[in-house]
């Protein structure tokens, strides 16, 4: 969780002190304005993340808007979602594979595999990842988005994220983007603010 209103400037200053490239990036972008949605339950956050998988933000926004419209512009409960016909969800823009995944998340919320917000707060990052990747269609990246944008964990580096590795490639003017193993190793220097480092890398100018 964000410890105080002074956290983000402190994180930005720490990263700016790493080297000249980071200092220039943070001077260009400005102080981090990271925003999370901590009021969401993990069940909702995971389904939203699935909607955006491999899509541009506007396409994901449209899918979620159509989904909410089915339930009076409120997010469906697990029971409501499981009672919704596949064709109805297809009309929202979900692929058959994604529908299978969100049905699995809904079932997981009912069985307890998907923890409540309160339970998730007491779990470590790796424990949550290990538990939730058991869900069909949920990989490490999706759980990392939950950790960042719902649980506000500040030391998460989604090493499989295309935007992050490409951002680092541009930041350092590399000929090729680093591998997952390489970015994980490089990112150790950004701890305990790897989430904030990720936020900046998503914004490296093209």
Protein backbone atom coordinates (compact mmCIF):
# COMPACT_ATOMS: atom_id res chain seq x y z
CA UNK A 1 0.00 0.00 0.00
CA UNK A 2 1.08 3.59 -0.51
CA UNK A 3 2.58 4.57 2.80
CA UNK A 4 2.08 8.33 2.55
CA UNK A 5 1.61 11.25 0.19
CA UNK A 6 5.42 11.61 0.19
CA UNK A 7 5.96 8.14 -1.24
CA UNK A 8 5.76 8.95 -4.94
CA UNK A 9 8.19 11.92 -4.92
CA UNK A 10 10.59 9.80 -2.85
CA UNK A 11 10.36 6.95 -5.38
CA UNK A 12 10.85 9.32 -8.30
CA UNK A 13 13.89 10.86 -6.63
CA UNK A 14 15.38 7.44 -5.92
CA UNK A 15 15.05 6.36 -9.56
CA UNK A 16 16.40 9.70 -10.82
CA UNK A 17 19.51 9.03 -8.78
CA UNK A 18 20.26 5.77 -10.57
CA UNK A 19 21.99 7.30 -13.60
CA UNK A 20 21.75 10.12 -16.15
CA UNK A 21 19.23 8.28 -18.36
CA UNK A 22 16.79 7.80 -15.49
CA UNK A 23 17.33 11.37 -14.33
CA UNK A 24 16.52 12.69 -17.81
CA UNK A 25 13.44 10.46 -18.14
CA UNK A 26 12.02 11.58 -14.80
CA UNK A 27 12.77 15.22 -15.58
CA UNK A 28 10.92 14.78 -18.90
CA UNK A 29 7.90 12.92 -17.50
CA UNK A 30 7.74 14.64 -14.12
CA UNK A 31 6.85 13.22 -10.73
CA UNK A 32 4.98 9.91 -10.86
CA UNK A 33 1.19 10.22 -10.70
CA UNK A 34 0.49 6.53 -10.19
CA UNK A 35 -3.19 5.81 -9.58
CA UNK A 36 -4.67 2.52 -8.41
CA UNK A 37 -8.20 1.20 -7.91
CA UNK A 38 -7.82 -0.19 -4.39
CA UNK A 39 -11.57 -0.44 -3.83
CA UNK A 40 -11.88 -3.34 -6.28
CA UNK A 41 -12.02 -6.95 -5.17
CA UNK A 42 -9.44 -9.27 -6.77
CA UNK A 43 -12.29 -11.07 -8.59
CA UNK A 44 -13.29 -7.87 -10.40
CA UNK A 45 -9.71 -6.78 -11.00
CA UNK A 46 -8.80 -10.10 -12.63
CA UNK A 47 -11.80 -10.04 -14.96
CA UNK A 48 -11.01 -6.47 -15.97
CA UNK A 49 -7.39 -7.46 -16.64
CA UNK A 50 -8.54 -10.36 -18.83
CA UNK A 51 -10.74 -7.99 -20.85
CA UNK A 52 -7.67 -5.87 -21.67
CA UNK A 53 -5.31 -8.75 -22.49
CA UNK A 54 -3.68 -8.25 -25.91
CA UNK A 55 -5.92 -5.27 -26.71
CA UNK A 56 -5.53 -1.51 -26.87
CA UNK A 57 -7.00 0.37 -23.92
CA UNK A 58 -9.94 1.74 -25.90
CA UNK A 59 -10.99 -1.74 -27.01
CA UNK A 60 -10.80 -3.00 -23.43
CA UNK A 61 -12.78 0.01 -22.22
CA UNK A 62 -15.53 -0.78 -24.73
CA UNK A 63 -15.75 -4.44 -23.66
CA UNK A 64 -16.03 -3.52 -19.99
CA UNK A 65 -18.64 -0.84 -20.74
CA UNK A 66 -20.79 -3.37 -22.61
CA UNK A 67 -20.35 -5.91 -19.80
CA UNK A 68 -21.46 -3.43 -17.14
CA UNK A 69 -24.42 -2.40 -19.26
CA UNK A 70 -25.78 -5.94 -18.96
CA UNK A 71 -26.13 -5.49 -15.20
CA UNK A 72 -27.39 -1.93 -14.87
CA UNK A 73 -23.90 -0.44 -15.04
CA UNK A 74 -22.69 -2.34 -12.00
CA UNK A 75 -20.05 -5.04 -11.96
CA UNK A 76 -21.63 -8.53 -11.95
CA UNK A 77 -21.28 -10.85 -9.00
CA UNK A 78 -19.73 -14.29 -9.64
CA UNK A 79 -23.22 -15.84 -9.61
CA UNK A 80 -24.51 -13.28 -12.14
CA UNK A 81 -21.55 -13.80 -14.44
CA UNK A 82 -21.89 -17.60 -14.39
CA UNK A 83 -25.59 -17.26 -15.22
CA UNK A 84 -24.82 -15.15 -18.31
CA UNK A 85 -24.94 -16.99 -21.64
CA UNK A 86 -21.75 -17.38 -23.61
CA UNK A 87 -23.26 -15.65 -26.66
CA UNK A 88 -24.18 -12.65 -24.53
CA UNK A 89 -20.58 -12.32 -23.37
CA UNK A 90 -19.35 -12.80 -26.93
CA UNK A 91 -21.50 -9.84 -27.92
CA UNK A 92 -19.62 -7.75 -25.35
CA UNK A 93 -16.40 -8.50 -27.22
CA UNK A 94 -14.94 -11.34 -25.17
CA UNK A 95 -13.34 -14.16 -27.17
CA UNK A 96 -14.34 -17.75 -26.41
CA UNK A 97 -10.98 -18.25 -24.65
CA UNK A 98 -11.49 -15.18 -22.47
CA UNK A 99 -15.03 -16.24 -21.60
CA UNK A 100 -13.67 -19.59 -20.43
CA UNK A 101 -11.18 -17.67 -18.29
CA UNK A 102 -13.68 -15.28 -16.70
CA UNK A 103 -16.05 -18.14 -15.93
CA UNK A 104 -13.09 -19.80 -14.18
CA UNK A 105 -12.39 -16.62 -12.19
CA UNK A 106 -16.04 -16.45 -11.13
CA UNK A 107 -15.95 -20.07 -10.02
CA UNK A 108 -12.69 -19.40 -8.21
CA UNK A 109 -14.27 -16.52 -6.32
CA UNK A 110 -17.05 -18.82 -5.14
CA UNK A 111 -14.71 -21.65 -4.09
CA UNK A 112 -12.23 -19.35 -2.39
CA UNK A 113 -9.38 -19.87 -4.84
CA UNK A 114 -9.64 -16.19 -5.72
CA UNK A 115 -9.14 -14.48 -2.35
CA UNK A 116 -11.12 -11.55 -1.02
CA UNK A 117 -9.39 -8.20 -0.80
CA UNK A 118 -8.85 -8.66 2.94
CA UNK A 119 -7.31 -12.10 2.49
CA UNK A 120 -5.13 -10.94 -0.40
CA UNK A 121 -3.70 -8.12 1.73
CA UNK A 122 -2.10 -10.66 4.06
CA UNK A 123 -0.51 -12.71 1.26
CA UNK A 124 2.94 -12.18 -0.26
CA UNK A 125 3.36 -11.27 -3.92
CA UNK A 126 4.68 -14.71 -4.85
CA UNK A 127 2.01 -16.53 -2.85
CA UNK A 128 -0.70 -14.65 -4.73
CA UNK A 129 0.96 -15.34 -8.08
CA UNK A 130 1.38 -19.05 -7.31
CA UNK A 131 -2.23 -19.33 -6.23
CA UNK A 132 -3.89 -17.38 -9.03
CA UNK A 133 -1.94 -18.80 -11.98
CA UNK A 134 -3.75 -22.06 -11.21
CA UNK A 135 -6.74 -20.45 -12.94
CA UNK A 136 -6.97 -21.34 -16.62
CA UNK A 137 -5.91 -18.41 -18.78
CA UNK A 138 -4.33 -16.46 -15.91
CA UNK A 139 -0.59 -15.95 -16.19
CA UNK A 140 1.94 -14.14 -14.07
CA UNK A 141 1.45 -10.81 -15.91
CA UNK A 142 -2.27 -10.71 -15.12
CA UNK A 143 -1.63 -11.30 -11.42
CA UNK A 144 1.10 -8.63 -11.47
CA UNK A 145 -1.47 -6.13 -12.80
CA UNK A 146 -3.66 -7.05 -9.82
CA UNK A 147 -0.73 -6.56 -7.46
CA UNK A 148 0.06 -3.14 -8.93
CA UNK A 149 -3.30 -1.57 -9.67
CA UNK A 150 -5.53 -3.12 -6.99
CA UNK A 151 -3.29 -4.11 -4.10
CA UNK A 152 -0.88 -1.18 -4.63
CA UNK A 153 2.25 -3.27 -4.19
CA UNK A 154 5.14 -0.93 -4.94
CA UNK A 155 7.95 -3.37 -5.79
CA UNK A 156 6.48 -5.27 -8.76
CA UNK A 157 8.31 -5.58 -12.09
CA UNK A 158 6.24 -7.27 -14.83
CA UNK A 159 9.25 -8.62 -16.71
CA UNK A 160 7.08 -10.09 -19.49
CA UNK A 161 5.44 -6.75 -20.27
CA UNK A 162 6.20 -5.59 -23.82
CA UNK A 163 5.85 -1.91 -22.93
CA UNK A 164 8.35 -2.19 -20.10
CA UNK A 165 11.06 -4.02 -22.03
CA UNK A 166 10.61 -1.77 -25.06
CA UNK A 167 10.67 1.27 -22.81
CA UNK A 168 13.95 0.15 -21.29
CA UNK A 169 15.33 -0.49 -24.77
CA UNK A 170 14.50 3.10 -25.75
CA UNK A 171 15.73 4.50 -22.43
CA UNK A 172 19.14 2.90 -22.91
CA UNK A 173 19.18 3.15 -26.72
CA UNK A 174 19.74 -0.60 -27.07
CA UNK A 175 19.73 -2.48 -30.37
CA UNK A 176 17.52 -5.22 -28.91
CA UNK A 177 15.10 -5.39 -26.01
CA UNK A 178 16.35 -7.27 -22.93
CA UNK A 179 15.09 -10.78 -22.22
CA UNK A 180 12.85 -11.55 -19.28
CA UNK A 181 15.86 -12.84 -17.32
CA UNK A 182 17.92 -9.77 -18.18
CA UNK A 183 15.22 -7.22 -17.24
CA UNK A 184 14.59 -9.08 -13.98
CA UNK A 185 18.27 -8.86 -13.08
CA UNK A 186 18.60 -5.23 -14.20
CA UNK A 187 15.45 -4.33 -12.27
CA UNK A 188 16.92 -5.40 -8.94
CA UNK A 189 18.58 -1.98 -8.82
CA UNK A 190 15.14 -0.33 -8.93
CA UNK A 191 13.90 -2.06 -5.76
CA UNK A 192 12.00 -1.16 -3.59
CA UNK A 193 10.28 0.97 -6.25
CA UNK A 194 10.02 -1.41 -9.20
CA UNK A 195 6.34 -0.58 -9.67
CA UNK A 196 7.19 3.09 -10.08
CA UNK A 197 10.07 2.20 -12.41
CA UNK A 198 7.57 0.24 -14.50
CA UNK A 199 5.24 3.26 -14.56
CA UNK A 200 8.04 5.40 -16.00
CA UNK A 201 9.17 2.75 -18.50
CA UNK A 202 5.62 2.58 -19.88
CA UNK A 203 6.02 6.30 -20.64
CA UNK A 204 9.46 6.45 -22.27
CA UNK A 205 9.05 8.72 -25.33
CA UNK A 206 9.19 6.97 -28.70
